[in-house]
Amino acid sequence: RRRHTRCLSDWSSDVCSSDLLRPADAERVRQRLAADLEDDVDITLFAAPASGLFIPGRDESTTGKQAQALLTEVADLSERIHLRVVNPRTNPDEVTAYGVELDPAVVIEKRAEDGEEKPAAGRVRMYGLPSGYEFMTLLDAMIAASRMVPALRPDTLEALGRITDPMHLQVFVTPT
């Protein structure tokens, strides 16, 4: 089953039709999503298409197209996952609204009910291609966003509740 991915970029939707997940892996992911997703999740991928030209001062992402293909495959595994692809070059207001700083960026958040505003508190941003070790982190983030219930111990939640100043938390993952 293939769903059409809404693309706000210059790429054709043909880029959305590769098979990066082996059938057995795709089935395991499908089963996990069916068992663990409680509500719908929006995934917004910010990825600029390659321009084909060298432009001094502009960094070209080499993984945006791969990220789109991978996320499309994941979205095709569950009706609860809604993927939208945004070209950051042509949609700078969305880049600012989502606080995106790098390309590609994956923003994961619980889907809001009609007329409801999405809570920014449950928004997760991931930068780069979510493959390898980061693929499981991607699945965990989607499941956590669908539940909007932190999987933390009560004492940890209490300690976090005492934080009054805004924080910017970054976690860096490198394969070893």
C-alpha atoms as a PDB file:
ATOM      1  CA  ARG A   1       0.000   0.000   0.000  1.00  0.00           C
ATOM      2  CA  ARG A   2       1.400   3.387  -0.956  1.00  0.00           C
ATOM      3  CA  ARG A   3       0.042   6.694   0.179  1.00  0.00           C
ATOM      4  CA  HIS A   4       0.888   9.941  -1.514  1.00  0.00           C
ATOM      5  CA  THR A   5       3.187  12.096   0.561  1.00  0.00           C
ATOM      6  CA  ARG A   6       2.443  15.790   0.540  1.00  0.00           C
ATOM      7  CA  CYS A   7       5.630  17.397  -0.770  1.00  0.00           C
ATOM      8  CA  LEU A   8       6.236  21.138  -0.547  1.00  0.00           C
ATOM      9  CA  SER A   9       9.533  20.901  -2.384  1.00  0.00           C
ATOM     10  CA  ASP A  10      10.841  20.785  -5.894  1.00  0.00           C
ATOM     11  CA  TRP A  11      11.205  16.991  -5.972  1.00  0.00           C
ATOM     12  CA  SER A  12       8.712  14.823  -7.737  1.00  0.00           C
ATOM     13  CA  SER A  13       6.912  12.229  -5.645  1.00  0.00           C
ATOM     14  CA  ASP A  14       8.976   9.577  -7.483  1.00  0.00           C
ATOM     15  CA  VAL A  15      11.604  10.035  -4.806  1.00  0.00           C
ATOM     16  CA  CYS A  16       9.031   8.640  -2.376  1.00  0.00           C
ATOM     17  CA  SER A  17       8.883   5.221  -3.963  1.00  0.00           C
ATOM     18  CA  SER A  18      12.107   3.423  -3.105  1.00  0.00           C
ATOM     19  CA  ASP A  19      12.319   0.439  -0.767  1.00  0.00           C
ATOM     20  CA  LEU A  20      14.948   1.009   1.907  1.00  0.00           C
ATOM     21  CA  LEU A  21      13.463  -1.325   4.505  1.00  0.00           C
ATOM     22  CA  ARG A  22      13.693  -5.056   3.902  1.00  0.00           C
ATOM     23  CA  PRO A  23      10.235  -6.701   3.915  1.00  0.00           C
ATOM     24  CA  ALA A  24      10.869  -8.506   7.218  1.00  0.00           C
ATOM     25  CA  ASP A  25      12.060  -5.269   8.879  1.00  0.00           C
ATOM     26  CA  ALA A  26       9.115  -3.338   7.466  1.00  0.00           C
ATOM     27  CA  GLU A  27       6.744  -5.933   8.924  1.00  0.00           C
ATOM     28  CA  ARG A  28       8.349  -5.648  12.370  1.00  0.00           C
ATOM     29  CA  VAL A  29       8.079  -1.856  12.216  1.00  0.00           C
ATOM     30  CA  ARG A  30       4.439  -2.130  11.089  1.00  0.00           C
ATOM     31  CA  GLN A  31       3.661  -4.408  14.043  1.00  0.00           C
ATOM     32  CA  ARG A  32       5.394  -2.131  16.540  1.00  0.00           C
ATOM     33  CA  LEU A  33       3.602   0.955  15.249  1.00  0.00           C
ATOM     34  CA  ALA A  34       0.233  -0.849  15.294  1.00  0.00           C
ATOM     35  CA  ALA A  35       0.805  -1.975  18.882  1.00  0.00           C
ATOM     36  CA  ASP A  36       2.342   1.208  20.324  1.00  0.00           C
ATOM     37  CA  LEU A  37       0.991   4.285  18.494  1.00  0.00           C
ATOM     38  CA  GLU A  38      -1.951   5.611  20.478  1.00  0.00           C
ATOM     39  CA  ASP A  39      -2.802   8.692  18.417  1.00  0.00           C
ATOM     40  CA  ASP A  40      -1.886  10.162  15.052  1.00  0.00           C
ATOM     41  CA  VAL A  41       1.569  11.700  14.588  1.00  0.00           C
ATOM     42  CA  ASP A  42       2.665  14.433  12.197  1.00  0.00           C
ATOM     43  CA  ILE A  43       6.156  14.197  10.777  1.00  0.00           C
ATOM     44  CA  THR A  44       7.467  17.241   8.957  1.00  0.00           C
ATOM     45  CA  LEU A  45      10.671  16.737   6.999  1.00  0.00           C
ATOM     46  CA  PHE A  46      12.581  19.882   6.124  1.00  0.00           C
ATOM     47  CA  ALA A  47      14.843  18.939   3.228  1.00  0.00           C
ATOM     48  CA  ALA A  48      16.024  21.090   0.364  1.00  0.00           C
ATOM     49  CA  PRO A  49      16.370  19.376  -2.987  1.00  0.00           C
ATOM     50  CA  ALA A  50      19.827  19.424  -4.520  1.00  0.00           C
ATOM     51  CA  SER A  51      20.179  22.415  -6.799  1.00  0.00           C
ATOM     52  CA  GLY A  52      22.631  20.761  -9.175  1.00  0.00           C
ATOM     53  CA  LEU A  53      24.740  23.920  -9.022  1.00  0.00           C
ATOM     54  CA  PHE A  54      27.601  24.794  -6.742  1.00  0.00           C
ATOM     55  CA  ILE A  55      26.603  27.981  -4.982  1.00  0.00           C
ATOM     56  CA  PRO A  56      29.344  29.523  -2.823  1.00  0.00           C
ATOM     57  CA  GLY A  57      28.246  29.884   0.793  1.00  0.00           C
ATOM     58  CA  ARG A  58      25.367  27.419   0.516  1.00  0.00           C
ATOM     59  CA  ASP A  59      25.732  23.983   2.016  1.00  0.00           C
ATOM     60  CA  GLU A  60      23.998  21.246   0.043  1.00  0.00           C
ATOM     61  CA  SER A  61      22.449  18.396   1.999  1.00  0.00           C
ATOM     62  CA  THR A  62      23.413  15.009   0.659  1.00  0.00           C
ATOM     63  CA  THR A  63      20.863  13.078   2.732  1.00  0.00           C
ATOM     64  CA  GLY A  64      17.580  14.931   2.258  1.00  0.00           C
ATOM     65  CA  LYS A  65      16.399  12.722  -0.589  1.00  0.00           C
ATOM     66  CA  GLN A  66      17.276   9.567   1.370  1.00  0.00           C
ATOM     67  CA  ALA A  67      15.499  10.906   4.472  1.00  0.00           C
ATOM     68  CA  GLN A  68      12.379  11.552   2.405  1.00  0.00           C
ATOM     69  CA  ALA A  69      12.438   8.044   0.945  1.00  0.00           C
ATOM     70  CA  LEU A  70      12.930   6.426   4.369  1.00  0.00           C
ATOM     71  CA  LEU A  71      10.240   8.489   6.097  1.00  0.00           C
ATOM     72  CA  THR A  72       7.824   7.794   3.246  1.00  0.00           C
ATOM     73  CA  GLU A  73       8.326   4.075   3.736  1.00  0.00           C
ATOM     74  CA  VAL A  74       7.713   4.414   7.477  1.00  0.00           C
ATOM     75  CA  ALA A  75       4.598   6.542   6.912  1.00  0.00           C
ATOM     76  CA  ASP A  76       3.296   3.897   4.517  1.00  0.00           C
ATOM     77  CA  LEU A  77       3.384   1.371   7.368  1.00  0.00           C
ATOM     78  CA  SER A  78       0.744   3.100   9.517  1.00  0.00           C
ATOM     79  CA  GLU A  79      -2.354   5.174   8.886  1.00  0.00           C
ATOM     80  CA  ARG A  80      -1.498   7.085  12.084  1.00  0.00           C
ATOM     81  CA  ILE A  81       1.663   8.635  10.599  1.00  0.00           C
ATOM     82  CA  HIS A  82       1.246  11.720   8.424  1.00  0.00           C
ATOM     83  CA  LEU A  83       4.338  12.879   6.538  1.00  0.00           C
ATOM     84  CA  ARG A  84       4.777  16.311   5.048  1.00  0.00           C
ATOM     85  CA  VAL A  85       7.919  17.401   3.205  1.00  0.00           C
ATOM     86  CA  VAL A  86       8.895  21.071   3.233  1.00  0.00           C
ATOM     87  CA  ASN A  87      11.610  22.754   1.187  1.00  0.00           C
ATOM     88  CA  PRO A  88      13.295  25.132   3.661  1.00  0.00           C
ATOM     89  CA  ARG A  89      14.540  27.385   0.851  1.00  0.00           C
ATOM     90  CA  THR A  90      11.033  28.184  -0.366  1.00  0.00           C
ATOM     91  CA  ASN A  91       9.259  28.062   3.029  1.00  0.00           C
ATOM     92  CA  PRO A  92      11.415  30.147   5.405  1.00  0.00           C
ATOM     93  CA  ASP A  93       8.431  31.052   7.627  1.00  0.00           C
ATOM     94  CA  GLU A  94       7.915  27.371   8.468  1.00  0.00           C
ATOM     95  CA  VAL A  95      11.628  26.960   9.166  1.00  0.00           C
ATOM     96  CA  THR A  96      11.383  29.775  11.704  1.00  0.00           C
ATOM     97  CA  ALA A  97       8.105  28.537  13.198  1.00  0.00           C
ATOM     98  CA  TYR A  98       9.547  25.073  13.818  1.00  0.00           C
ATOM     99  CA  GLY A  99      12.966  26.335  14.966  1.00  0.00           C
ATOM    100  CA  VAL A 100      14.778  24.334  12.311  1.00  0.00           C
ATOM    101  CA  GLU A 101      18.498  25.101  12.042  1.00  0.00           C
ATOM    102  CA  LEU A 102      19.895  22.341   9.797  1.00  0.00           C
ATOM    103  CA  ASP A 103      18.933  20.355   6.710  1.00  0.00           C
ATOM    104  CA  PRO A 104      17.560  17.731   6.718  1.00  0.00           C
ATOM    105  CA  ALA A 105      15.449  18.094   9.848  1.00  0.00           C
ATOM    106  CA  VAL A 106      12.671  15.799  11.033  1.00  0.00           C
ATOM    107  CA  VAL A 107      10.035  17.315  13.302  1.00  0.00           C
ATOM    108  CA  ILE A 108       7.780  14.858  15.136  1.00  0.00           C
ATOM    109  CA  GLU A 109       4.646  15.919  17.005  1.00  0.00           C
ATOM    110  CA  LYS A 110       1.259  14.607  18.018  1.00  0.00           C
ATOM    111  CA  ARG A 111      -1.429  15.448  15.476  1.00  0.00           C
ATOM    112  CA  ALA A 112      -3.784  18.115  16.817  1.00  0.00           C
ATOM    113  CA  GLU A 113      -7.515  17.591  16.755  1.00  0.00           C
ATOM    114  CA  ASP A 114      -9.487  19.839  14.398  1.00  0.00           C
ATOM    115  CA  GLY A 115      -9.273  23.422  15.637  1.00  0.00           C
ATOM    116  CA  GLU A 116      -6.711  22.518  18.313  1.00  0.00           C
ATOM    117  CA  GLU A 117      -3.256  24.068  18.372  1.00  0.00           C
ATOM    118  CA  LYS A 118      -0.301  21.679  18.440  1.00  0.00           C
ATOM    119  CA  PRO A 119       1.587  21.754  21.733  1.00  0.00           C
ATOM    120  CA  ALA A 120       5.200  22.798  21.077  1.00  0.00           C
ATOM    121  CA  ALA A 121       6.137  21.069  24.346  1.00  0.00           C
ATOM    122  CA  GLY A 122       5.746  17.657  22.711  1.00  0.00           C
ATOM    123  CA  ARG A 123       7.723  18.515  19.592  1.00  0.00           C
ATOM    124  CA  VAL A 124      10.930  16.625  18.815  1.00  0.00           C
ATOM    125  CA  ARG A 125      13.480  17.747  16.231  1.00  0.00           C
ATOM    126  CA  MET A 126      16.037  15.372  14.772  1.00  0.00           C
ATOM    127  CA  TYR A 127      18.743  16.457  12.360  1.00  0.00           C
ATOM    128  CA  GLY A 128      20.293  14.320   9.663  1.00  0.00           C
ATOM    129  CA  LEU A 129      19.278  11.016   8.158  1.00  0.00           C
ATOM    130  CA  PRO A 130      17.441   8.902  10.795  1.00  0.00           C
ATOM    131  CA  SER A 131      19.042   5.616   9.803  1.00  0.00           C
ATOM    132  CA  GLY A 132      21.203   3.096  11.598  1.00  0.00           C
ATOM    133  CA  TYR A 133      21.046   3.576  15.369  1.00  0.00           C
ATOM    134  CA  GLU A 134      18.916   6.707  14.930  1.00  0.00           C
ATOM    135  CA  PHE A 135      16.137   4.694  13.268  1.00  0.00           C
ATOM    136  CA  MET A 136      15.052   3.178  16.594  1.00  0.00           C
ATOM    137  CA  THR A 137      15.211   6.640  18.150  1.00  0.00           C
ATOM    138  CA  LEU A 138      12.920   7.854  15.369  1.00  0.00           C
ATOM    139  CA  LEU A 139      10.373   5.101  16.117  1.00  0.00           C
ATOM    140  CA  ASP A 140      10.586   5.754  19.871  1.00  0.00           C
ATOM    141  CA  ALA A 141      10.051   9.499  19.299  1.00  0.00           C
ATOM    142  CA  MET A 142       6.965   8.847  17.138  1.00  0.00           C
ATOM    143  CA  ILE A 143       5.484   6.553  19.783  1.00  0.00           C
ATOM    144  CA  ALA A 144       6.248   9.001  22.602  1.00  0.00           C
ATOM    145  CA  ALA A 145       4.676  11.864  20.620  1.00  0.00           C
ATOM    146  CA  SER A 146       1.526   9.822  20.020  1.00  0.00           C
ATOM    147  CA  ARG A 147       1.123   9.231  23.757  1.00  0.00           C
ATOM    148  CA  MET A 148       2.223  12.621  25.108  1.00  0.00           C
ATOM    149  CA  VAL A 149       3.026  10.912  28.406  1.00  0.00           C
ATOM    150  CA  PRO A 150       6.653  11.072  29.484  1.00  0.00           C
ATOM    151  CA  ALA A 151       8.298   7.727  30.179  1.00  0.00           C
ATOM    152  CA  LEU A 152      10.216   9.092  33.158  1.00  0.00           C
ATOM    153  CA  ARG A 153      10.302   8.177  36.832  1.00  0.00           C
ATOM    154  CA  PRO A 154       8.220  10.387  39.177  1.00  0.00           C
ATOM    155  CA  ASP A 155      11.339  11.815  40.881  1.00  0.00           C
ATOM    156  CA  THR A 156      12.758  12.804  37.486  1.00  0.00           C
ATOM    157  CA  LEU A 157       9.484  14.517  36.536  1.00  0.00           C
ATOM    158  CA  GLU A 158       9.517  16.344  39.873  1.00  0.00           C
ATOM    159  CA  ALA A 159      13.091  17.563  39.313  1.00  0.00           C
ATOM    160  CA  LEU A 160      12.207  18.725  35.804  1.00  0.00           C
ATOM    161  CA  GLY A 161       9.153  20.529  37.194  1.00  0.00           C
ATOM    162  CA  ARG A 162      11.466  22.718  39.287  1.00  0.00           C
ATOM    163  CA  ILE A 163      13.169  24.120  36.176  1.00  0.00           C
ATOM    164  CA  THR A 164      11.831  27.610  35.586  1.00  0.00           C
ATOM    165  CA  ASP A 165      14.126  28.980  32.894  1.00  0.00           C
ATOM    166  CA  PRO A 166      13.830  27.949  29.227  1.00  0.00           C
ATOM    167  CA  MET A 167      16.334  25.281  28.225  1.00  0.00           C
ATOM    168  CA  HIS A 168      17.825  24.208  24.938  1.00  0.00           C
ATOM    169  CA  LEU A 169      18.785  20.533  25.083  1.00  0.00           C
ATOM    170  CA  GLN A 170      20.842  18.870  22.388  1.00  0.00           C
ATOM    171  CA  VAL A 171      21.729  15.196  22.186  1.00  0.00           C
ATOM    172  CA  PHE A 172      24.428  14.151  19.738  1.00  0.00           C
ATOM    173  CA  VAL A 173      24.562  10.587  18.470  1.00  0.00           C
ATOM    174  CA  THR A 174      27.436   9.224  16.446  1.00  0.00           C
ATOM    175  CA  PRO A 175      27.788   5.657  15.251  1.00  0.00           C
ATOM    176  CA  THR A 176      30.821   3.885  16.665  1.00  0.00           C
END
